[in-house]
Amino acid sequence: MNKKIILKVAAFVVLLGGSVAGFYYLYVVPTTRQDIEQSAVIEERRRALADLDKSTAGIDDINRKIKDLQEAVRFFESKLPKEKEVETVLEQVWKMAEANSLQARTIRSGKTERTANYSLQQIDMDLSGDFNGFYLFMQQLERLPRLTRVEAMSLNKISDHEGEMQAKLTLSIFFEPSGSTAAASAM
């Protein structure tokens, strides 16, 4: 009888061991494999999300920079006189020259260049007088509230008069082209 019990116990142990082995190979191994695969997918998605965060991190900076640039454009557009005000700017330049004891020998309007956002009127000037007055004129020209630029300049000393000079200037006056106020307000 002892042999029967030992056989039954041995059969039970083999059956129990087979059940554990079956459980291990049929449940634990596939579940572990599936967990590893899901962990890899999760890690890949985390990396993709981190890359996306890096990519979109600068969008706020870009939006802020665009806003800053739009404000700068509005500022410079506010410095552009209307086309009909160009004559007023020319008069200002003429009066500044006279106020600094400069004689304007000639003032000629040059070509007008037009773009979508601004126009440019070139003015050729021949001035003569004291160099100190010319220097003050140039400083005042620089401080004009409107956008002007000296495109070309040549200075010549008048040899028989100390401190006297003759200057040829090409000024560019920037102004707002006709009909662009509707386009600017649409922004």
N, C-alpha and C. Protein backbone atom coordinates (compact mmCIF):
# COMPACT_ATOMS: atom_id res chain seq x y z
N MET A 1 0.80 -1.16 0.00
CA MET A 1 0.00 0.00 0.00
C MET A 1 0.86 1.25 0.00
N ASN A 2 1.89 1.08 0.52
CA ASN A 2 2.83 2.16 0.52
C ASN A 2 3.24 2.54 -0.90
N LYS A 3 3.35 1.49 -1.72
CA LYS A 3 3.73 1.74 -3.10
C LYS A 3 2.63 2.49 -3.83
N LYS A 4 1.39 2.20 -3.51
CA LYS A 4 0.27 2.85 -4.16
C LYS A 4 0.23 4.33 -3.79
N ILE A 5 0.49 4.63 -2.60
CA ILE A 5 0.44 6.01 -2.15
C ILE A 5 1.62 6.77 -2.78
N ILE A 6 2.76 6.14 -2.83
CA ILE A 6 3.92 6.79 -3.42
C ILE A 6 3.65 7.06 -4.90
N LEU A 7 3.03 6.09 -5.58
CA LEU A 7 2.70 6.25 -6.99
C LEU A 7 1.68 7.38 -7.17
N LYS A 8 0.69 7.42 -6.31
CA LYS A 8 -0.33 8.46 -6.40
C LYS A 8 0.30 9.83 -6.14
N VAL A 9 1.18 9.90 -5.16
CA VAL A 9 1.85 11.16 -4.83
C VAL A 9 2.75 11.56 -6.00
N ALA A 10 3.48 10.58 -6.56
CA ALA A 10 4.36 10.86 -7.68
C ALA A 10 3.55 11.33 -8.88
N ALA A 11 2.42 10.66 -9.15
CA ALA A 11 1.57 11.06 -10.27
C ALA A 11 1.03 12.47 -10.03
N PHE A 12 0.65 12.74 -8.77
CA PHE A 12 0.14 14.06 -8.45
C PHE A 12 1.22 15.12 -8.63
N VAL A 13 2.44 14.83 -8.20
CA VAL A 13 3.56 15.78 -8.33
C VAL A 13 3.86 16.01 -9.81
N VAL A 14 3.84 14.92 -10.63
CA VAL A 14 4.10 15.07 -12.07
C VAL A 14 2.96 15.89 -12.69
N LEU A 15 1.73 15.60 -12.33
CA LEU A 15 0.58 16.35 -12.85
C LEU A 15 0.65 17.81 -12.42
N LEU A 16 1.02 18.06 -11.18
CA LEU A 16 1.15 19.42 -10.68
C LEU A 16 2.30 20.14 -11.39
N GLY A 17 3.42 19.46 -11.57
CA GLY A 17 4.56 20.04 -12.29
C GLY A 17 4.21 20.34 -13.74
N GLY A 18 3.46 19.43 -14.37
CA GLY A 18 3.02 19.66 -15.75
C GLY A 18 2.09 20.85 -15.85
N SER A 19 1.21 20.98 -14.83
CA SER A 19 0.29 22.13 -14.81
C SER A 19 1.08 23.43 -14.67
N VAL A 20 2.08 23.45 -13.81
CA VAL A 20 2.91 24.66 -13.61
C VAL A 20 3.67 24.96 -14.89
N ALA A 21 4.25 23.92 -15.53
CA ALA A 21 4.99 24.12 -16.77
C ALA A 21 4.06 24.61 -17.87
N GLY A 22 2.88 24.02 -17.97
CA GLY A 22 1.90 24.46 -18.95
C GLY A 22 1.47 25.90 -18.73
N PHE A 23 1.20 26.21 -17.45
CA PHE A 23 0.83 27.59 -17.11
C PHE A 23 1.96 28.54 -17.52
N TYR A 24 3.18 28.16 -17.21
CA TYR A 24 4.33 29.01 -17.52
C TYR A 24 4.45 29.23 -19.03
N TYR A 25 4.41 28.17 -19.82
CA TYR A 25 4.60 28.29 -21.27
C TYR A 25 3.36 28.83 -22.00
N LEU A 26 2.19 28.60 -21.46
CA LEU A 26 0.98 29.05 -22.13
C LEU A 26 0.51 30.44 -21.68
N TYR A 27 0.93 30.91 -20.49
CA TYR A 27 0.46 32.20 -20.01
C TYR A 27 1.61 33.16 -19.71
N VAL A 28 2.58 32.74 -18.90
CA VAL A 28 3.63 33.64 -18.45
C VAL A 28 4.51 34.09 -19.62
N VAL A 29 4.96 33.16 -20.46
CA VAL A 29 5.86 33.52 -21.56
C VAL A 29 5.18 34.47 -22.54
N PRO A 30 3.95 34.19 -23.04
CA PRO A 30 3.31 35.14 -23.98
C PRO A 30 3.02 36.50 -23.33
N THR A 31 2.62 36.48 -22.07
CA THR A 31 2.33 37.74 -21.39
C THR A 31 3.59 38.58 -21.23
N THR A 32 4.69 37.94 -20.87
CA THR A 32 5.97 38.64 -20.74
C THR A 32 6.40 39.23 -22.08
N ARG A 33 6.27 38.44 -23.14
CA ARG A 33 6.62 38.91 -24.49
C ARG A 33 5.75 40.11 -24.88
N GLN A 34 4.46 40.03 -24.57
CA GLN A 34 3.54 41.11 -24.89
C GLN A 34 3.88 42.37 -24.08
N ASP A 35 4.25 42.20 -22.81
CA ASP A 35 4.65 43.34 -21.97
C ASP A 35 5.89 44.02 -22.54
N ILE A 36 6.87 43.24 -22.99
CA ILE A 36 8.10 43.81 -23.56
C ILE A 36 7.78 44.59 -24.84
N GLU A 37 6.91 44.01 -25.68
CA GLU A 37 6.53 44.70 -26.93
C GLU A 37 5.78 45.99 -26.62
N GLN A 38 4.87 45.98 -25.67
CA GLN A 38 4.12 47.18 -25.31
C GLN A 38 5.03 48.23 -24.68
N SER A 39 6.00 47.79 -23.90
CA SER A 39 6.96 48.73 -23.31
C SER A 39 7.77 49.42 -24.40
N ALA A 40 8.16 48.65 -25.43
CA ALA A 40 8.91 49.23 -26.55
C ALA A 40 8.05 50.25 -27.30
N VAL A 41 6.77 49.93 -27.52
CA VAL A 41 5.86 50.86 -28.20
C VAL A 41 5.68 52.12 -27.37
N ILE A 42 5.51 51.95 -26.06
CA ILE A 42 5.33 53.10 -25.17
C ILE A 42 6.58 53.98 -25.19
N GLU A 43 7.75 53.38 -25.16
CA GLU A 43 9.01 54.14 -25.19
C GLU A 43 9.16 54.90 -26.51
N GLU A 44 8.79 54.25 -27.61
CA GLU A 44 8.87 54.90 -28.92
C GLU A 44 7.92 56.10 -28.98
N ARG A 45 6.72 55.93 -28.43
CA ARG A 45 5.76 57.04 -28.42
C ARG A 45 6.21 58.17 -27.51
N ARG A 46 6.86 57.83 -26.40
CA ARG A 46 7.41 58.88 -25.52
C ARG A 46 8.48 59.68 -26.23
N ARG A 47 9.36 58.99 -26.98
CA ARG A 47 10.40 59.69 -27.75
C ARG A 47 9.76 60.59 -28.81
N ALA A 48 8.72 60.08 -29.49
CA ALA A 48 8.04 60.87 -30.51
C ALA A 48 7.38 62.10 -29.87
N LEU A 49 6.80 61.92 -28.70
CA LEU A 49 6.17 63.03 -27.99
C LEU A 49 7.22 64.06 -27.56
N ALA A 50 8.37 63.59 -27.09
CA ALA A 50 9.45 64.51 -26.70
C ALA A 50 9.95 65.28 -27.92
N ASP A 51 10.08 64.59 -29.07
CA ASP A 51 10.49 65.27 -30.29
C ASP A 51 9.45 66.31 -30.70
N LEU A 52 8.19 65.98 -30.56
CA LEU A 52 7.12 66.92 -30.89
C LEU A 52 7.18 68.13 -29.96
N ASP A 53 7.42 67.89 -28.68
CA ASP A 53 7.54 69.00 -27.73
C ASP A 53 8.70 69.91 -28.11
N LYS A 54 9.83 69.31 -28.51
CA LYS A 54 10.98 70.11 -28.94
C LYS A 54 10.62 70.92 -30.18
N SER A 55 9.92 70.29 -31.11
CA SER A 55 9.57 70.96 -32.37
C SER A 55 8.63 72.12 -32.14
N THR A 56 7.69 71.96 -31.26
CA THR A 56 6.68 73.01 -31.05
C THR A 56 7.08 74.01 -29.98
N ALA A 57 8.19 73.78 -29.30
CA ALA A 57 8.60 74.69 -28.24
C ALA A 57 8.87 76.08 -28.77
N GLY A 58 9.40 76.20 -29.98
CA GLY A 58 9.73 77.51 -30.54
C GLY A 58 8.56 78.23 -31.16
N ILE A 59 7.39 77.62 -31.26
CA ILE A 59 6.25 78.26 -31.91
C ILE A 59 5.83 79.52 -31.17
N ASP A 60 5.83 79.48 -29.85
CA ASP A 60 5.47 80.68 -29.10
C ASP A 60 6.47 81.79 -29.38
N ASP A 61 7.77 81.44 -29.45
CA ASP A 61 8.79 82.44 -29.77
C ASP A 61 8.57 83.00 -31.16
N ILE A 62 8.24 82.14 -32.11
CA ILE A 62 8.02 82.60 -33.48
C ILE A 62 6.81 83.52 -33.54
N ASN A 63 5.75 83.15 -32.85
CA ASN A 63 4.56 84.01 -32.83
C ASN A 63 4.87 85.36 -32.20
N ARG A 64 5.67 85.35 -31.14
CA ARG A 64 6.05 86.61 -30.49
C ARG A 64 6.92 87.45 -31.43
N LYS A 65 7.85 86.79 -32.14
CA LYS A 65 8.71 87.52 -33.06
C LYS A 65 7.91 88.10 -34.22
N ILE A 66 6.94 87.35 -34.72
CA ILE A 66 6.08 87.86 -35.79
C ILE A 66 5.32 89.09 -35.30
N LYS A 67 4.81 89.02 -34.08
CA LYS A 67 4.09 90.15 -33.52
C LYS A 67 5.02 91.37 -33.38
N ASP A 68 6.25 91.14 -32.91
CA ASP A 68 7.22 92.23 -32.78
C ASP A 68 7.54 92.85 -34.14
N LEU A 69 7.70 92.00 -35.16
CA LEU A 69 8.00 92.51 -36.50
C LEU A 69 6.82 93.29 -37.07
N GLN A 70 5.60 92.82 -36.80
CA GLN A 70 4.43 93.56 -37.26
C GLN A 70 4.36 94.93 -36.59
N GLU A 71 4.71 95.00 -35.31
CA GLU A 71 4.74 96.29 -34.62
C GLU A 71 5.81 97.19 -35.21
N ALA A 72 6.97 96.62 -35.56
CA ALA A 72 8.03 97.41 -36.18
C ALA A 72 7.58 97.95 -37.53
N VAL A 73 6.89 97.13 -38.31
CA VAL A 73 6.38 97.58 -39.61
C VAL A 73 5.40 98.72 -39.40
N ARG A 74 4.49 98.57 -38.43
CA ARG A 74 3.53 99.65 -38.15
C ARG A 74 4.25 100.94 -37.73
N PHE A 75 5.32 100.80 -36.93
CA PHE A 75 6.09 101.97 -36.50
C PHE A 75 6.69 102.68 -37.71
N PHE A 76 7.34 101.91 -38.59
CA PHE A 76 7.98 102.54 -39.74
C PHE A 76 6.95 103.08 -40.73
N GLU A 77 5.81 102.42 -40.84
CA GLU A 77 4.75 102.95 -41.69
C GLU A 77 4.23 104.27 -41.14
N SER A 78 4.23 104.42 -39.81
CA SER A 78 3.77 105.68 -39.23
C SER A 78 4.76 106.81 -39.54
N LYS A 79 6.00 106.45 -39.84
CA LYS A 79 7.01 107.45 -40.19
C LYS A 79 6.91 107.85 -41.66
N LEU A 80 6.12 107.12 -42.44
CA LEU A 80 5.98 107.43 -43.86
C LEU A 80 4.93 108.51 -44.05
N PRO A 81 5.31 109.64 -44.66
CA PRO A 81 4.28 110.63 -44.93
C PRO A 81 3.40 110.15 -46.08
N LYS A 82 2.21 110.71 -46.15
CA LYS A 82 1.33 110.42 -47.28
C LYS A 82 1.96 111.04 -48.52
N GLU A 83 1.58 110.55 -49.68
CA GLU A 83 2.17 111.03 -50.93
C GLU A 83 1.99 112.55 -51.08
N LYS A 84 0.84 113.06 -50.65
CA LYS A 84 0.58 114.49 -50.78
C LYS A 84 1.43 115.31 -49.80
N GLU A 85 2.02 114.68 -48.76
CA GLU A 85 2.84 115.38 -47.78
C GLU A 85 4.31 115.45 -48.18
N VAL A 86 4.69 114.85 -49.30
CA VAL A 86 6.10 114.86 -49.73
C VAL A 86 6.56 116.29 -49.97
N GLU A 87 5.68 117.11 -50.52
CA GLU A 87 6.03 118.52 -50.75
C GLU A 87 6.35 119.22 -49.43
N THR A 88 5.63 118.87 -48.37
CA THR A 88 5.89 119.46 -47.06
C THR A 88 7.27 119.06 -46.56
N VAL A 89 7.64 117.79 -46.76
CA VAL A 89 8.96 117.34 -46.35
C VAL A 89 10.03 118.06 -47.15
N LEU A 90 9.81 118.24 -48.45
CA LEU A 90 10.77 118.98 -49.28
C LEU A 90 10.93 120.41 -48.78
N GLU A 91 9.83 121.02 -48.41
CA GLU A 91 9.88 122.38 -47.88
C GLU A 91 10.67 122.42 -46.58
N GLN A 92 10.48 121.41 -45.72
CA GLN A 92 11.24 121.34 -44.47
C GLN A 92 12.73 121.27 -44.75
N VAL A 93 13.12 120.43 -45.70
CA VAL A 93 14.54 120.27 -46.04
C VAL A 93 15.08 121.59 -46.57
N TRP A 94 14.34 122.26 -47.41
CA TRP A 94 14.75 123.55 -47.97
C TRP A 94 14.97 124.57 -46.84
N LYS A 95 14.00 124.65 -45.91
CA LYS A 95 14.10 125.61 -44.81
C LYS A 95 15.27 125.28 -43.88
N MET A 96 15.53 123.98 -43.68
CA MET A 96 16.68 123.59 -42.84
C MET A 96 17.97 124.05 -43.50
N ALA A 97 18.08 123.92 -44.81
CA ALA A 97 19.28 124.37 -45.52
C ALA A 97 19.44 125.88 -45.35
N GLU A 98 18.37 126.63 -45.55
CA GLU A 98 18.44 128.08 -45.40
C GLU A 98 18.77 128.49 -43.97
N ALA A 99 18.20 127.79 -42.99
CA ALA A 99 18.44 128.11 -41.58
C ALA A 99 19.90 127.89 -41.20
N ASN A 100 20.61 127.04 -41.94
CA ASN A 100 22.02 126.77 -41.65
C ASN A 100 22.94 127.52 -42.62
N SER A 101 22.41 128.60 -43.20
CA SER A 101 23.16 129.48 -44.10
C SER A 101 23.72 128.74 -45.31
N LEU A 102 22.96 127.82 -45.83
CA LEU A 102 23.36 127.12 -47.05
C LEU A 102 22.54 127.67 -48.21
N GLN A 103 23.21 127.86 -49.34
CA GLN A 103 22.50 128.30 -50.53
C GLN A 103 22.18 127.06 -51.35
N ALA A 104 20.92 126.90 -51.64
CA ALA A 104 20.49 125.77 -52.48
C ALA A 104 20.57 126.24 -53.92
N ARG A 105 21.57 125.74 -54.63
CA ARG A 105 21.73 126.13 -56.03
C ARG A 105 20.68 125.45 -56.89
N THR A 106 20.52 124.16 -56.69
CA THR A 106 19.47 123.44 -57.43
C THR A 106 18.87 122.36 -56.53
N ILE A 107 17.60 122.15 -56.73
CA ILE A 107 16.91 121.03 -56.10
C ILE A 107 16.03 120.43 -57.19
N ARG A 108 16.31 119.17 -57.53
CA ARG A 108 15.56 118.49 -58.58
C ARG A 108 14.96 117.21 -58.04
N SER A 109 13.72 116.98 -58.41
CA SER A 109 13.08 115.71 -58.06
C SER A 109 13.57 114.66 -59.04
N GLY A 110 13.98 113.54 -58.51
CA GLY A 110 14.43 112.44 -59.34
C GLY A 110 13.31 111.44 -59.55
N LYS A 111 13.72 110.23 -59.80
CA LYS A 111 12.72 109.19 -60.08
C LYS A 111 11.98 108.78 -58.81
N THR A 112 10.76 108.33 -59.01
CA THR A 112 9.94 107.81 -57.92
C THR A 112 9.85 106.30 -58.10
N GLU A 113 10.21 105.58 -57.07
CA GLU A 113 10.10 104.12 -57.09
C GLU A 113 8.92 103.72 -56.22
N ARG A 114 8.12 102.80 -56.72
CA ARG A 114 6.94 102.35 -55.98
C ARG A 114 7.05 100.86 -55.69
N THR A 115 6.68 100.48 -54.48
CA THR A 115 6.54 99.07 -54.10
C THR A 115 5.14 98.92 -53.51
N ALA A 116 4.85 97.74 -53.05
CA ALA A 116 3.51 97.50 -52.48
C ALA A 116 3.31 98.27 -51.17
N ASN A 117 4.39 98.45 -50.39
CA ASN A 117 4.24 99.02 -49.05
C ASN A 117 4.74 100.45 -48.91
N TYR A 118 5.58 100.90 -49.82
CA TYR A 118 6.10 102.26 -49.71
C TYR A 118 6.52 102.75 -51.09
N SER A 119 6.70 104.05 -51.17
CA SER A 119 7.25 104.67 -52.37
C SER A 119 8.46 105.48 -51.95
N LEU A 120 9.31 105.78 -52.92
CA LEU A 120 10.57 106.45 -52.64
C LEU A 120 10.74 107.56 -53.66
N GLN A 121 10.92 108.79 -53.19
CA GLN A 121 11.15 109.93 -54.07
C GLN A 121 12.60 110.37 -53.89
N GLN A 122 13.36 110.38 -54.97
CA GLN A 122 14.75 110.84 -54.90
C GLN A 122 14.81 112.33 -55.22
N ILE A 123 15.70 113.03 -54.51
CA ILE A 123 15.86 114.46 -54.68
C ILE A 123 17.35 114.74 -54.79
N ASP A 124 17.74 115.42 -55.86
CA ASP A 124 19.14 115.83 -56.05
C ASP A 124 19.26 117.27 -55.61
N MET A 125 20.24 117.56 -54.76
CA MET A 125 20.43 118.91 -54.23
C MET A 125 21.88 119.33 -54.44
N ASP A 126 22.08 120.59 -54.85
CA ASP A 126 23.40 121.21 -54.89
C ASP A 126 23.37 122.33 -53.86
N LEU A 127 24.20 122.22 -52.85
CA LEU A 127 24.25 123.20 -51.77
C LEU A 127 25.65 123.79 -51.69
N SER A 128 25.73 125.01 -51.22
CA SER A 128 27.04 125.60 -50.95
C SER A 128 26.91 126.45 -49.71
N GLY A 129 28.04 126.62 -49.03
CA GLY A 129 28.04 127.43 -47.82
C GLY A 129 29.13 126.96 -46.86
N ASP A 130 28.98 127.38 -45.62
CA ASP A 130 29.94 127.05 -44.57
C ASP A 130 29.82 125.57 -44.19
N PHE A 131 30.96 124.92 -43.97
CA PHE A 131 30.94 123.49 -43.63
C PHE A 131 30.22 123.24 -42.31
N ASN A 132 30.40 124.12 -41.32
CA ASN A 132 29.73 123.92 -40.03
C ASN A 132 28.22 123.96 -40.20
N GLY A 133 27.72 124.85 -41.05
CA GLY A 133 26.29 124.91 -41.33
C GLY A 133 25.82 123.63 -42.03
N PHE A 134 26.66 123.12 -42.93
CA PHE A 134 26.31 121.88 -43.62
C PHE A 134 26.26 120.71 -42.64
N TYR A 135 27.21 120.70 -41.71
CA TYR A 135 27.25 119.65 -40.69
C TYR A 135 25.97 119.69 -39.84
N LEU A 136 25.56 120.87 -39.42
CA LEU A 136 24.32 121.01 -38.65
C LEU A 136 23.11 120.59 -39.48
N PHE A 137 23.11 120.95 -40.77
CA PHE A 137 22.02 120.55 -41.67
C PHE A 137 21.91 119.03 -41.73
N MET A 138 23.03 118.35 -41.84
CA MET A 138 23.03 116.88 -41.91
C MET A 138 22.50 116.27 -40.61
N GLN A 139 22.88 116.85 -39.47
CA GLN A 139 22.37 116.36 -38.19
C GLN A 139 20.86 116.55 -38.09
N GLN A 140 20.37 117.69 -38.54
CA GLN A 140 18.92 117.96 -38.51
C GLN A 140 18.19 117.02 -39.47
N LEU A 141 18.79 116.76 -40.60
CA LEU A 141 18.20 115.85 -41.58
C LEU A 141 18.06 114.45 -40.98
N GLU A 142 19.06 114.07 -40.21
CA GLU A 142 19.05 112.76 -39.55
C GLU A 142 17.94 112.65 -38.51
N ARG A 143 17.60 113.77 -37.89
CA ARG A 143 16.59 113.76 -36.83
C ARG A 143 15.17 114.04 -37.32
N LEU A 144 15.00 114.14 -38.62
CA LEU A 144 13.65 114.37 -39.14
C LEU A 144 12.73 113.24 -38.68
N PRO A 145 11.48 113.56 -38.37
CA PRO A 145 10.56 112.50 -37.93
C PRO A 145 10.16 111.57 -39.06
N ARG A 146 10.44 111.93 -40.29
CA ARG A 146 10.10 111.10 -41.45
C ARG A 146 11.33 110.35 -41.91
N LEU A 147 11.10 109.25 -42.60
CA LEU A 147 12.20 108.44 -43.08
C LEU A 147 12.83 109.08 -44.30
N THR A 148 14.09 109.46 -44.16
CA THR A 148 14.88 109.98 -45.27
C THR A 148 16.23 109.30 -45.23
N ARG A 149 16.85 109.22 -46.40
CA ARG A 149 18.17 108.57 -46.47
C ARG A 149 19.02 109.34 -47.47
N VAL A 150 20.28 109.53 -47.13
CA VAL A 150 21.22 110.14 -48.06
C VAL A 150 21.79 109.01 -48.90
N GLU A 151 21.44 109.01 -50.19
CA GLU A 151 21.87 107.95 -51.10
C GLU A 151 23.30 108.18 -51.58
N ALA A 152 23.60 109.44 -51.88
CA ALA A 152 24.93 109.78 -52.40
C ALA A 152 25.28 111.19 -51.94
N MET A 153 26.59 111.43 -51.75
CA MET A 153 27.02 112.75 -51.32
C MET A 153 28.45 112.97 -51.80
N SER A 154 28.70 114.17 -52.30
CA SER A 154 30.08 114.55 -52.62
C SER A 154 30.31 115.95 -52.08
N LEU A 155 31.42 116.14 -51.41
CA LEU A 155 31.79 117.43 -50.83
C LEU A 155 33.04 117.93 -51.53
N ASN A 156 33.02 119.20 -51.85
CA ASN A 156 34.20 119.84 -52.44
C ASN A 156 34.48 121.13 -51.70
N LYS A 157 35.72 121.32 -51.36
CA LYS A 157 36.13 122.54 -50.68
C LYS A 157 36.27 123.63 -51.74
N ILE A 158 35.75 124.80 -51.41
CA ILE A 158 35.95 125.96 -52.28
C ILE A 158 37.30 126.54 -51.88
N SER A 159 38.27 126.45 -52.76
CA SER A 159 39.67 126.67 -52.40
C SER A 159 39.98 128.10 -51.96
N ASP A 160 39.34 129.11 -52.48
CA ASP A 160 39.72 130.47 -52.11
C ASP A 160 38.96 131.00 -50.89
N HIS A 161 38.08 130.21 -50.29
CA HIS A 161 37.34 130.64 -49.09
C HIS A 161 37.51 129.57 -48.00
N GLU A 162 38.08 129.95 -46.89
CA GLU A 162 38.32 129.02 -45.78
C GLU A 162 36.99 128.59 -45.15
N GLY A 163 36.78 127.26 -45.03
CA GLY A 163 35.59 126.71 -44.39
C GLY A 163 34.39 126.62 -45.31
N GLU A 164 34.52 127.10 -46.54
CA GLU A 164 33.41 127.06 -47.49
C GLU A 164 33.48 125.76 -48.29
N MET A 165 32.31 125.25 -48.63
CA MET A 165 32.27 124.00 -49.38
C MET A 165 31.06 123.99 -50.30
N GLN A 166 31.11 123.02 -51.20
CA GLN A 166 29.99 122.80 -52.10
C GLN A 166 29.64 121.32 -51.98
N ALA A 167 28.36 121.00 -51.88
CA ALA A 167 27.92 119.62 -51.68
C ALA A 167 26.87 119.26 -52.72
N LYS A 168 26.96 118.05 -53.18
CA LYS A 168 25.93 117.47 -54.03
C LYS A 168 25.37 116.27 -53.28
N LEU A 169 24.06 116.27 -53.07
CA LEU A 169 23.40 115.21 -52.30
C LEU A 169 22.30 114.58 -53.13
N THR A 170 22.11 113.31 -52.92
CA THR A 170 20.91 112.64 -53.42
C THR A 170 20.19 112.10 -52.20
N LEU A 171 19.02 112.66 -51.92
CA LEU A 171 18.21 112.24 -50.78
C LEU A 171 17.09 111.34 -51.28
N SER A 172 16.73 110.40 -50.47
CA SER A 172 15.55 109.57 -50.74
C SER A 172 14.56 109.82 -49.62
N ILE A 173 13.36 110.18 -50.02
CA ILE A 173 12.27 110.39 -49.05
C ILE A 173 11.28 109.26 -49.24
N PHE A 174 11.05 108.52 -48.19
CA PHE A 174 10.11 107.40 -48.24
C PHE A 174 8.72 107.93 -47.88
N PHE A 175 7.71 107.47 -48.60
CA PHE A 175 6.36 107.89 -48.30
C PHE A 175 5.38 106.77 -48.62
N GLU A 176 4.19 106.94 -48.07
CA GLU A 176 3.14 105.94 -48.26
C GLU A 176 2.48 106.17 -49.60
N PRO A 177 2.44 105.15 -50.45
CA PRO A 177 1.83 105.33 -51.77
C PRO A 177 0.33 105.57 -51.66
N SER A 178 -0.24 106.21 -52.65
CA SER A 178 -1.68 106.48 -52.67
C SER A 178 -2.44 105.18 -52.61
N GLY A 179 -3.52 105.17 -51.85
CA GLY A 179 -4.39 104.00 -51.78
C GLY A 179 -3.89 102.87 -50.92
N SER A 180 -2.78 103.04 -50.21
CA SER A 180 -2.28 101.92 -49.40
C SER A 180 -2.86 101.93 -48.00
N THR A 181 -3.61 102.96 -47.62
CA THR A 181 -4.19 102.96 -46.28
C THR A 181 -5.23 101.88 -46.12
N ALA A 182 -5.96 101.57 -47.18
CA ALA A 182 -6.95 100.48 -47.09
C ALA A 182 -6.25 99.15 -46.94
N ALA A 183 -5.14 98.99 -47.64
CA ALA A 183 -4.39 97.74 -47.53
C ALA A 183 -3.76 97.59 -46.16
N ALA A 184 -3.28 98.71 -45.60
CA ALA A 184 -2.64 98.63 -44.29
C ALA A 184 -3.65 98.37 -43.19
N SER A 185 -4.86 98.94 -43.31
CA SER A 185 -5.84 98.72 -42.26
C SER A 185 -6.44 97.31 -42.35
N ALA A 186 -6.28 96.64 -43.49
CA ALA A 186 -6.78 95.27 -43.63
C ALA A 186 -5.94 94.29 -42.85
N MET A 187 -4.71 94.67 -42.51
CA MET A 187 -3.83 93.78 -41.73
C MET A 187 -4.41 93.69 -40.39
